[in-house]
PDB file of N, CA and C in Angstrom:
ATOM      1  N   MET A   1       3.564 -19.364  -3.187  1.00  0.00           N
ATOM      2  CA  MET A   1       4.194 -18.199  -2.609  1.00  0.00           C
ATOM      3  C   MET A   1       3.649 -16.914  -3.249  1.00  0.00           C
ATOM      4  N   LYS A   2       3.371 -16.981  -4.559  1.00  0.00           N
ATOM      5  CA  LYS A   2       2.854 -15.799  -5.245  1.00  0.00           C
ATOM      6  C   LYS A   2       1.493 -15.403  -4.701  1.00  0.00           C
ATOM      7  N   VAL A   3       0.672 -16.403  -4.433  1.00  0.00           N
ATOM      8  CA  VAL A   3      -0.664 -16.122  -3.906  1.00  0.00           C
ATOM      9  C   VAL A   3      -0.565 -15.508  -2.522  1.00  0.00           C
ATOM     10  N   PHE A   4       0.346 -16.004  -1.708  1.00  0.00           N
ATOM     11  CA  PHE A   4       0.534 -15.468  -0.357  1.00  0.00           C
ATOM     12  C   PHE A   4       0.982 -14.010  -0.409  1.00  0.00           C
ATOM     13  N   LEU A   5       1.921 -13.684  -1.305  1.00  0.00           N
ATOM     14  CA  LEU A   5       2.397 -12.301  -1.418  1.00  0.00           C
ATOM     15  C   LEU A   5       1.266 -11.376  -1.866  1.00  0.00           C
ATOM     16  N   LYS A   6       0.442 -11.835  -2.788  1.00  0.00           N
ATOM     17  CA  LYS A   6      -0.678 -11.013  -3.236  1.00  0.00           C
ATOM     18  C   LYS A   6      -1.728 -10.863  -2.131  1.00  0.00           C
ATOM     19  N   LEU A   7      -1.922 -11.895  -1.341  1.00  0.00           N
ATOM     20  CA  LEU A   7      -2.854 -11.818  -0.222  1.00  0.00           C
ATOM     21  C   LEU A   7      -2.361 -10.810   0.820  1.00  0.00           C
ATOM     22  N   VAL A   8      -1.089 -10.873   1.153  1.00  0.00           N
ATOM     23  CA  VAL A   8      -0.514  -9.927   2.119  1.00  0.00           C
ATOM     24  C   VAL A   8      -0.600  -8.507   1.578  1.00  0.00           C
ATOM     25  N   ALA A   9      -0.313  -8.328   0.294  1.00  0.00           N
ATOM     26  CA  ALA A   9      -0.404  -6.995  -0.314  1.00  0.00           C
ATOM     27  C   ALA A   9      -1.837  -6.469  -0.239  1.00  0.00           C
ATOM     28  N   SER A  10      -2.804  -7.322  -0.471  1.00  0.00           N
ATOM     29  CA  SER A  10      -4.204  -6.905  -0.401  1.00  0.00           C
ATOM     30  C   SER A  10      -4.597  -6.505   1.018  1.00  0.00           C
ATOM     31  N   VAL A  11      -4.120  -7.240   1.991  1.00  0.00           N
ATOM     32  CA  VAL A  11      -4.410  -6.906   3.395  1.00  0.00           C
ATOM     33  C   VAL A  11      -3.763  -5.565   3.759  1.00  0.00           C
ATOM     34  N   LEU A  12      -2.554  -5.331   3.288  1.00  0.00           N
ATOM     35  CA  LEU A  12      -1.888  -4.061   3.575  1.00  0.00           C
ATOM     36  C   LEU A  12      -2.638  -2.888   2.951  1.00  0.00           C
ATOM     37  N   VAL A  13      -3.151  -3.065   1.753  1.00  0.00           N
ATOM     38  CA  VAL A  13      -3.939  -2.009   1.118  1.00  0.00           C
ATOM     39  C   VAL A  13      -5.217  -1.755   1.913  1.00  0.00           C
ATOM     40  N   ALA A  14      -5.851  -2.808   2.396  1.00  0.00           N
ATOM     41  CA  ALA A  14      -7.067  -2.644   3.191  1.00  0.00           C
ATOM     42  C   ALA A  14      -6.774  -1.882   4.490  1.00  0.00           C
ATOM     43  N   ILE A  15      -5.670  -2.196   5.134  1.00  0.00           N
ATOM     44  CA  ILE A  15      -5.298  -1.485   6.359  1.00  0.00           C
ATOM     45  C   ILE A  15      -5.008  -0.023   6.060  1.00  0.00           C
ATOM     46  N   GLY A  16      -4.295   0.237   4.960  1.00  0.00           N
ATOM     47  CA  GLY A  16      -4.006   1.620   4.570  1.00  0.00           C
ATOM     48  C   GLY A  16      -5.277   2.400   4.275  1.00  0.00           C
ATOM     49  N   ALA A  17      -6.230   1.763   3.597  1.00  0.00           N
ATOM     50  CA  ALA A  17      -7.499   2.429   3.315  1.00  0.00           C
ATOM     51  C   ALA A  17      -8.256   2.733   4.609  1.00  0.00           C
ATOM     52  N   PHE A  18      -8.194   1.820   5.563  1.00  0.00           N
ATOM     53  CA  PHE A  18      -8.841   2.070   6.850  1.00  0.00           C
ATOM     54  C   PHE A  18      -8.192   3.249   7.577  1.00  0.00           C
ATOM     55  N   LEU A  19      -6.870   3.365   7.491  1.00  0.00           N
ATOM     56  CA  LEU A  19      -6.189   4.490   8.132  1.00  0.00           C
ATOM     57  C   LEU A  19      -6.613   5.822   7.504  1.00  0.00           C
ATOM     58  N   ILE A  20      -6.734   5.844   6.187  1.00  0.00           N
ATOM     59  CA  ILE A  20      -7.187   7.068   5.524  1.00  0.00           C
ATOM     60  C   ILE A  20      -8.636   7.377   5.916  1.00  0.00           C
ATOM     61  N   TYR A  21      -9.468   6.337   5.987  1.00  0.00           N
ATOM     62  CA  TYR A  21     -10.850   6.522   6.439  1.00  0.00           C
ATOM     63  C   TYR A  21     -10.872   7.098   7.859  1.00  0.00           C
ATOM     64  N   ALA A  22     -10.014   6.603   8.731  1.00  0.00           N
ATOM     65  CA  ALA A  22      -9.979   7.081  10.116  1.00  0.00           C
ATOM     66  C   ALA A  22      -9.597   8.564  10.170  1.00  0.00           C
ATOM     67  N   VAL A  23      -8.662   8.979   9.325  1.00  0.00           N
ATOM     68  CA  VAL A  23      -8.262  10.390   9.298  1.00  0.00           C
ATOM     69  C   VAL A  23      -9.420  11.254   8.804  1.00  0.00           C
ATOM     70  N   ILE A  24     -10.075  10.823   7.724  1.00  0.00           N
ATOM     71  CA  ILE A  24     -11.201  11.602   7.193  1.00  0.00           C
ATOM     72  C   ILE A  24     -12.324  11.691   8.227  1.00  0.00           C
ATOM     73  N   HIS A  25     -12.615  10.585   8.882  1.00  0.00           N
ATOM     74  CA  HIS A  25     -13.673  10.575   9.895  1.00  0.00           C
ATOM     75  C   HIS A  25     -13.302  11.486  11.069  1.00  0.00           C
ATOM     76  N   ALA A  26     -12.048  11.480  11.483  1.00  0.00           N
ATOM     77  CA  ALA A  26     -11.624  12.319  12.604  1.00  0.00           C
ATOM     78  C   ALA A  26     -11.673  13.803  12.237  1.00  0.00           C
ATOM     79  N   VAL A  27     -11.296  14.129  11.015  1.00  0.00           N
ATOM     80  CA  VAL A  27     -11.319  15.534  10.586  1.00  0.00           C
ATOM     81  C   VAL A  27     -12.753  16.053  10.552  1.00  0.00           C
ATOM     82  N   LEU A  28     -13.681  15.221  10.119  1.00  0.00           N
ATOM     83  CA  LEU A  28     -15.070  15.652  10.001  1.00  0.00           C
ATOM     84  C   LEU A  28     -15.843  15.563  11.319  1.00  0.00           C
ATOM     85  N   SER A  29     -15.241  15.008  12.365  1.00  0.00           N
ATOM     86  CA  SER A  29     -15.956  14.879  13.636  1.00  0.00           C
ATOM     87  C   SER A  29     -15.992  16.227  14.360  1.00  0.00           C
ATOM     88  N   ALA A  30     -16.812  16.293  15.388  1.00  0.00           N
ATOM     89  CA  ALA A  30     -16.991  17.549  16.124  1.00  0.00           C
ATOM     90  C   ALA A  30     -15.715  17.974  16.842  1.00  0.00           C
ATOM     91  N   GLY A  31     -14.974  17.045  17.376  1.00  0.00           N
ATOM     92  CA  GLY A  31     -13.763  17.380  18.113  1.00  0.00           C
ATOM     93  C   GLY A  31     -12.566  17.654  17.222  1.00  0.00           C
ATOM     94  N   GLY A  32     -12.647  17.271  15.977  1.00  0.00           N
ATOM     95  CA  GLY A  32     -11.520  17.471  15.066  1.00  0.00           C
ATOM     96  C   GLY A  32     -10.467  16.395  15.261  1.00  0.00           C
ATOM     97  N   ALA A  33      -9.465  16.461  14.434  1.00  0.00           N
ATOM     98  CA  ALA A  33      -8.393  15.464  14.487  1.00  0.00           C
ATOM     99  C   ALA A  33      -7.152  16.078  15.124  1.00  0.00           C
ATOM    100  N   ARG A  34      -6.419  15.269  15.828  1.00  0.00           N
ATOM    101  CA  ARG A  34      -5.131  15.722  16.349  1.00  0.00           C
ATOM    102  C   ARG A  34      -4.135  15.667  15.194  1.00  0.00           C
ATOM    103  N   PRO A  35      -3.468  16.775  14.890  1.00  0.00           N
ATOM    104  CA  PRO A  35      -2.617  16.839  13.698  1.00  0.00           C
ATOM    105  C   PRO A  35      -1.510  15.786  13.674  1.00  0.00           C
ATOM    106  N   GLY A  36      -0.878  15.549  14.800  1.00  0.00           N
ATOM    107  CA  GLY A  36       0.205  14.568  14.841  1.00  0.00           C
ATOM    108  C   GLY A  36      -0.259  13.162  14.523  1.00  0.00           C
ATOM    109  N   VAL A  37      -1.406  12.810  15.060  1.00  0.00           N
ATOM    110  CA  VAL A  37      -1.953  11.478  14.817  1.00  0.00           C
ATOM    111  C   VAL A  37      -2.386  11.340  13.360  1.00  0.00           C
ATOM    112  N   ALA A  38      -3.019  12.389  12.831  1.00  0.00           N
ATOM    113  CA  ALA A  38      -3.473  12.350  11.442  1.00  0.00           C
ATOM    114  C   ALA A  38      -2.290  12.216  10.479  1.00  0.00           C
ATOM    115  N   VAL A  39      -1.235  12.960  10.721  1.00  0.00           N
ATOM    116  CA  VAL A  39      -0.049  12.870   9.863  1.00  0.00           C
ATOM    117  C   VAL A  39       0.580  11.484   9.984  1.00  0.00           C
ATOM    118  N   GLY A  40       0.604  10.946  11.170  1.00  0.00           N
ATOM    119  CA  GLY A  40       1.152   9.605  11.374  1.00  0.00           C
ATOM    120  C   GLY A  40       0.344   8.539  10.649  1.00  0.00           C
ATOM    121  N   TYR A  41      -0.975   8.666  10.678  1.00  0.00           N
ATOM    122  CA  TYR A  41      -1.829   7.706   9.982  1.00  0.00           C
ATOM    123  C   TYR A  41      -1.629   7.786   8.476  1.00  0.00           C
ATOM    124  N   VAL A  42      -1.554   9.003   7.948  1.00  0.00           N
ATOM    125  CA  VAL A  42      -1.355   9.161   6.505  1.00  0.00           C
ATOM    126  C   VAL A  42       0.010   8.628   6.101  1.00  0.00           C
ATOM    127  N   ALA A  43       1.039   8.921   6.900  1.00  0.00           N
ATOM    128  CA  ALA A  43       2.383   8.402   6.602  1.00  0.00           C
ATOM    129  C   ALA A  43       2.384   6.868   6.657  1.00  0.00           C
ATOM    130  N   GLY A  44       1.708   6.306   7.635  1.00  0.00           N
ATOM    131  CA  GLY A  44       1.608   4.854   7.735  1.00  0.00           C
ATOM    132  C   GLY A  44       0.893   4.247   6.544  1.00  0.00           C
ATOM    133  N   ALA A  45      -0.169   4.914   6.091  1.00  0.00           N
ATOM    134  CA  ALA A  45      -0.897   4.421   4.913  1.00  0.00           C
ATOM    135  C   ALA A  45      -0.019   4.471   3.670  1.00  0.00           C
ATOM    136  N   LEU A  46       0.785   5.525   3.530  1.00  0.00           N
ATOM    137  CA  LEU A  46       1.695   5.612   2.383  1.00  0.00           C
ATOM    138  C   LEU A  46       2.754   4.517   2.423  1.00  0.00           C
ATOM    139  N   VAL A  47       3.305   4.256   3.594  1.00  0.00           N
ATOM    140  CA  VAL A  47       4.306   3.199   3.727  1.00  0.00           C
ATOM    141  C   VAL A  47       3.682   1.837   3.417  1.00  0.00           C
ATOM    142  N   LEU A  48       2.496   1.590   3.946  1.00  0.00           N
ATOM    143  CA  LEU A  48       1.818   0.322   3.671  1.00  0.00           C
ATOM    144  C   LEU A  48       1.523   0.171   2.176  1.00  0.00           C
ATOM    145  N   GLY A  49       1.140   1.258   1.535  1.00  0.00           N
ATOM    146  CA  GLY A  49       0.894   1.217   0.095  1.00  0.00           C
ATOM    147  C   GLY A  49       2.155   0.901  -0.690  1.00  0.00           C
ATOM    148  N   PHE A  50       3.275   1.513  -0.296  1.00  0.00           N
ATOM    149  CA  PHE A  50       4.547   1.242  -0.967  1.00  0.00           C
ATOM    150  C   PHE A  50       4.955  -0.219  -0.798  1.00  0.00           C
ATOM    151  N   VAL A  51       4.811  -0.740   0.406  1.00  0.00           N
ATOM    152  CA  VAL A  51       5.164  -2.138   0.666  1.00  0.00           C
ATOM    153  C   VAL A  51       4.239  -3.068  -0.115  1.00  0.00           C
ATOM    154  N   ALA A  52       2.963  -2.725  -0.188  1.00  0.00           N
ATOM    155  CA  ALA A  52       2.010  -3.557  -0.925  1.00  0.00           C
ATOM    156  C   ALA A  52       2.355  -3.600  -2.414  1.00  0.00           C
ATOM    157  N   VAL A  53       2.705  -2.453  -2.989  1.00  0.00           N
ATOM    158  CA  VAL A  53       3.085  -2.428  -4.403  1.00  0.00           C
ATOM    159  C   VAL A  53       4.350  -3.251  -4.625  1.00  0.00           C
ATOM    160  N   SER A  54       5.299  -3.131  -3.718  1.00  0.00           N
ATOM    161  CA  SER A  54       6.535  -3.913  -3.839  1.00  0.00           C
ATOM    162  C   SER A  54       6.256  -5.413  -3.781  1.00  0.00           C
ATOM    163  N   LEU A  55       5.409  -5.826  -2.857  1.00  0.00           N
ATOM    164  CA  LEU A  55       5.068  -7.250  -2.749  1.00  0.00           C
ATOM    165  C   LEU A  55       4.309  -7.733  -3.984  1.00  0.00           C
ATOM    166  N   TRP A  56       3.400  -6.911  -4.480  1.00  0.00           N
ATOM    167  CA  TRP A  56       2.612  -7.300  -5.647  1.00  0.00           C
ATOM    168  C   TRP A  56       3.517  -7.476  -6.862  1.00  0.00           C
ATOM    169  N   ARG A  57       4.435  -6.530  -7.044  1.00  0.00           N
ATOM    170  CA  ARG A  57       5.358  -6.631  -8.181  1.00  0.00           C
ATOM    171  C   ARG A  57       6.322  -7.803  -8.022  1.00  0.00           C
ATOM    172  N   LYS A  58       6.693  -8.104  -6.795  1.00  0.00           N
ATOM    173  CA  LYS A  58       7.603  -9.225  -6.548  1.00  0.00           C
ATOM    174  C   LYS A  58       6.929 -10.550  -6.891  1.00  0.00           C
ATOM    175  N   SER A  59       5.612 -10.617  -6.743  1.00  0.00           N
ATOM    176  CA  SER A  59       4.906 -11.858  -7.018  1.00  0.00           C
ATOM    177  C   SER A  59       4.605 -12.034  -8.504  1.00  0.00           C
ATOM    178  N   ALA A  60       4.751 -10.978  -9.297  1.00  0.00           N
ATOM    179  CA  ALA A  60       4.457 -11.063 -10.734  1.00  0.00           C
ATOM    180  C   ALA A  60       5.598 -11.785 -11.447  1.00  0.00           C
ATOM    181  N   PRO A  61       5.284 -12.508 -12.527  1.00  0.00           N
ATOM    182  CA  PRO A  61       6.351 -13.178 -13.271  1.00  0.00           C
ATOM    183  C   PRO A  61       7.274 -12.160 -13.928  1.00  0.00           C
ATOM    184  N   ARG A  62       8.539 -12.489 -13.954  1.00  0.00           N
ATOM    185  CA  ARG A  62       9.533 -11.599 -14.549  1.00  0.00           C
ATOM    186  C   ARG A  62       9.513 -11.738 -16.069  1.00  0.00           C
ATOM    187  N   ALA A  63       9.679 -10.610 -16.734  1.00  0.00           N
ATOM    188  CA  ALA A  63       9.762 -10.635 -18.194  1.00  0.00           C
ATOM    189  C   ALA A  63      11.180 -11.059 -18.586  1.00  0.00           C
ATOM    190  N   LYS A  64      11.266 -11.878 -19.603  1.00  0.00           N
ATOM    191  CA  LYS A  64      12.569 -12.313 -20.075  1.00  0.00           C
ATOM    192  C   LYS A  64      13.220 -11.198 -20.886  1.00  0.00           C
ATOM    193  N   ALA A  65      14.526 -11.104 -20.798  1.00  0.00           N
ATOM    194  CA  ALA A  65      15.255 -10.085 -21.539  1.00  0.00           C
ATOM    195  C   ALA A  65      15.182 -10.421 -23.025  1.00  0.00           C
ATOM    196  N   PRO A  66      14.958  -9.408 -23.855  1.00  0.00           N
ATOM    197  CA  PRO A  66      14.878  -9.677 -25.278  1.00  0.00           C
ATOM    198  C   PRO A  66      16.250 -10.106 -25.827  1.00  0.00           C
ATOM    199  N   THR A  67      16.217 -11.000 -26.787  1.00  0.00           N
ATOM    200  CA  THR A  67      17.479 -11.435 -27.389  1.00  0.00           C
ATOM    201  C   THR A  67      17.873 -10.437 -28.475  1.00  0.00           C
ATOM    202  N   PRO A  68      19.156 -10.185 -28.628  1.00  0.00           N
ATOM    203  CA  PRO A  68      19.596  -9.243 -29.651  1.00  0.00           C
ATOM    204  C   PRO A  68      19.241  -9.747 -31.051  1.00  0.00           C
ATOM    205  N   ALA A  69      18.955  -8.798 -31.937  1.00  0.00           N
ATOM    206  CA  ALA A  69      18.594  -9.166 -33.311  1.00  0.00           C
ATOM    207  C   ALA A  69      19.784  -9.777 -34.021  1.00  0.00           C
ATOM    208  N   GLY A  70      19.541 -10.777 -34.801  1.00  0.00           N
ATOM    209  CA  GLY A  70      20.607 -11.417 -35.559  1.00  0.00           C
ATOM    210  C   GLY A  70      21.348 -12.498 -34.801  1.00  0.00           C
ATOM    211  N   SER A  71      20.856 -12.853 -33.616  1.00  0.00           N
ATOM    212  CA  SER A  71      21.536 -13.896 -32.833  1.00  0.00           C
ATOM    213  C   SER A  71      20.970 -15.246 -33.141  1.00  0.00           C
TER     214      SER A  71
END
């Protein structure tokens, strides 16, 4: 399950990077970028990044709580 979560997180990061690439490419093109679409792509990339970080952290082993001194 941990490997699957990390795989999904990696795919989400790749999709987010592609969305950012699409915005940069559209801005630099001759016709320019439509502002609404560009903002939507950037917002989507941010959401995908947040979900990817959450999945990656969920797949990591949990640290055990330290025991109190003198116990």
